[in-house]
Amino acid sequence: MQTSRSESKSKSARKTAPSKQPRRAAAAKPKPQPIADASLSTSTSRTTKQELVLTLLSRKDGASIDDIMKATSWQVHSVRGFFAGTVKKKLGFTLTSSRAEGEVRRYRIELRGAR
């Protein structure tokens, strides 16, 4: 007895794949929260990272890139991008930097109302 190709295909088509067992959901790891200085928080409501950085930059002595990195958990290129894109272009602040002999560079913004 000889079988045709179409019959052999139909027999193989009848084979079913083994049923898949449902996967277990992986436990979500909690995201580490940045450590913010308690003196920087001006209210009990939620403060955005943008507000936090602008507060740091508006202090009398300004802030270093390391200060901002620690407060926001950002990397150095993110801080610089925030300076160029948000502080200067979007918000229109004048960002000044200064560096005393033997110290790190500090950045600050001049508030519009303060002169």
Protein backbone atom coordinates (compact mmCIF):
# COMPACT_ATOMS: atom_id res chain seq x y z
CA MET A 1 0.00 0.00 0.00
CA GLN A 2 1.45 3.25 -1.10
CA THR A 3 0.54 6.62 0.44
CA SER A 4 0.54 9.83 -1.45
CA ARG A 5 2.33 12.95 -0.32
CA SER A 6 -0.86 14.71 0.66
CA GLU A 7 -1.75 11.93 3.06
CA SER A 8 1.66 12.00 4.73
CA LYS A 9 1.38 15.75 5.18
CA SER A 10 -1.99 15.43 6.79
CA LYS A 11 -0.61 12.86 9.23
CA SER A 12 2.25 15.15 10.22
CA ALA A 13 -0.13 18.07 10.44
CA ARG A 14 -2.12 16.17 13.03
CA LYS A 15 0.83 16.14 15.39
CA THR A 16 0.32 18.73 18.07
CA ALA A 17 2.96 20.69 19.85
CA PRO A 18 3.39 19.91 23.54
CA SER A 19 1.32 22.24 25.67
CA LYS A 20 3.26 25.08 27.17
CA GLN A 21 3.24 25.49 30.89
CA PRO A 22 2.49 29.04 32.04
CA ARG A 23 5.64 30.89 33.05
CA ARG A 24 6.03 32.19 36.53
CA ALA A 25 6.20 35.92 36.83
CA ALA A 26 9.59 37.14 37.98
CA ALA A 27 9.59 39.10 41.20
CA ALA A 28 10.10 42.79 40.46
CA LYS A 29 13.17 44.30 42.05
CA PRO A 30 12.57 47.56 43.86
CA LYS A 31 14.16 50.53 42.09
CA PRO A 32 16.77 52.29 44.23
CA GLN A 33 15.68 55.76 45.28
CA PRO A 34 18.15 58.64 45.01
CA ILE A 35 19.42 60.09 48.25
CA ALA A 36 18.28 63.69 48.46
CA ASP A 37 19.45 66.21 51.00
CA ALA A 38 16.63 66.95 53.44
CA SER A 39 17.49 70.65 53.40
CA LEU A 40 16.74 70.77 49.66
CA SER A 41 13.13 69.73 50.05
CA THR A 42 10.98 72.84 50.37
CA SER A 43 7.60 71.13 50.60
CA THR A 44 6.08 67.84 51.59
CA SER A 45 4.67 67.24 48.10
CA ARG A 46 6.52 65.29 45.45
CA THR A 47 9.48 67.16 43.96
CA THR A 48 10.57 66.42 40.41
CA LYS A 49 14.20 65.97 39.47
CA GLN A 50 14.00 69.11 37.34
CA GLU A 51 12.85 71.13 40.35
CA LEU A 52 15.58 69.57 42.48
CA VAL A 53 18.33 70.46 39.99
CA LEU A 54 17.02 74.01 39.53
CA THR A 55 17.00 74.43 43.32
CA LEU A 56 20.61 73.25 43.51
CA LEU A 57 21.66 75.57 40.68
CA SER A 58 19.91 78.59 42.20
CA ARG A 59 21.83 78.39 45.48
CA LYS A 60 24.35 81.16 46.15
CA ASP A 61 27.35 78.88 45.58
CA GLY A 62 25.62 76.84 42.83
CA ALA A 63 26.24 73.12 42.41
CA SER A 64 28.86 70.84 40.93
CA ILE A 65 28.04 68.10 38.46
CA ASP A 66 28.83 65.58 41.22
CA ASP A 67 26.27 67.24 43.52
CA ILE A 68 23.57 66.91 40.85
CA MET A 69 24.57 63.33 40.01
CA LYS A 70 24.19 62.30 43.65
CA ALA A 71 20.86 64.07 44.07
CA THR A 72 19.27 62.67 40.90
CA SER A 73 21.10 59.36 40.22
CA TRP A 74 21.90 60.68 36.73
CA GLN A 75 25.10 60.03 34.82
CA VAL A 76 27.41 62.87 33.88
CA HIS A 77 26.24 63.05 30.24
CA SER A 78 22.62 63.31 31.43
CA VAL A 79 23.46 66.26 33.67
CA ARG A 80 25.25 68.06 30.84
CA GLY A 81 22.36 67.33 28.49
CA PHE A 82 19.93 68.74 31.06
CA PHE A 83 22.05 71.91 31.25
CA ALA A 84 22.04 72.40 27.48
CA GLY A 85 18.54 71.22 26.59
CA THR A 86 16.38 72.17 29.55
CA VAL A 87 18.13 74.89 31.51
CA LYS A 88 19.47 76.90 28.57
CA LYS A 89 17.18 76.14 25.62
CA LYS A 90 13.80 75.22 27.08
CA LEU A 91 13.74 77.42 30.19
CA GLY A 92 16.03 80.19 28.88
CA PHE A 93 18.18 80.55 32.00
CA THR A 94 21.72 81.86 31.80
CA LEU A 95 23.97 79.12 33.15
CA THR A 96 27.29 80.34 34.51
CA SER A 97 30.21 78.28 35.70
CA SER A 98 33.13 79.15 37.89
CA ARG A 99 36.13 77.31 39.18
CA ALA A 100 38.30 78.43 42.05
CA GLU A 101 41.92 77.35 42.15
CA GLY A 102 42.09 73.69 43.20
CA GLU A 103 38.32 73.22 43.42
CA VAL A 104 35.70 71.61 41.20
CA ARG A 105 33.70 73.59 38.66
CA ARG A 106 30.41 74.89 40.02
CA TYR A 107 27.37 75.87 37.97
CA ARG A 108 24.64 78.29 38.89
CA ILE A 109 21.68 80.06 37.36
CA GLU A 110 20.57 83.60 37.98
CA LEU A 111 16.90 83.78 38.91
CA ARG A 112 14.95 86.19 36.72
CA GLY A 113 13.67 88.33 39.60
CA ALA A 114 16.96 88.49 41.52
CA ARG A 115 19.62 90.97 40.42
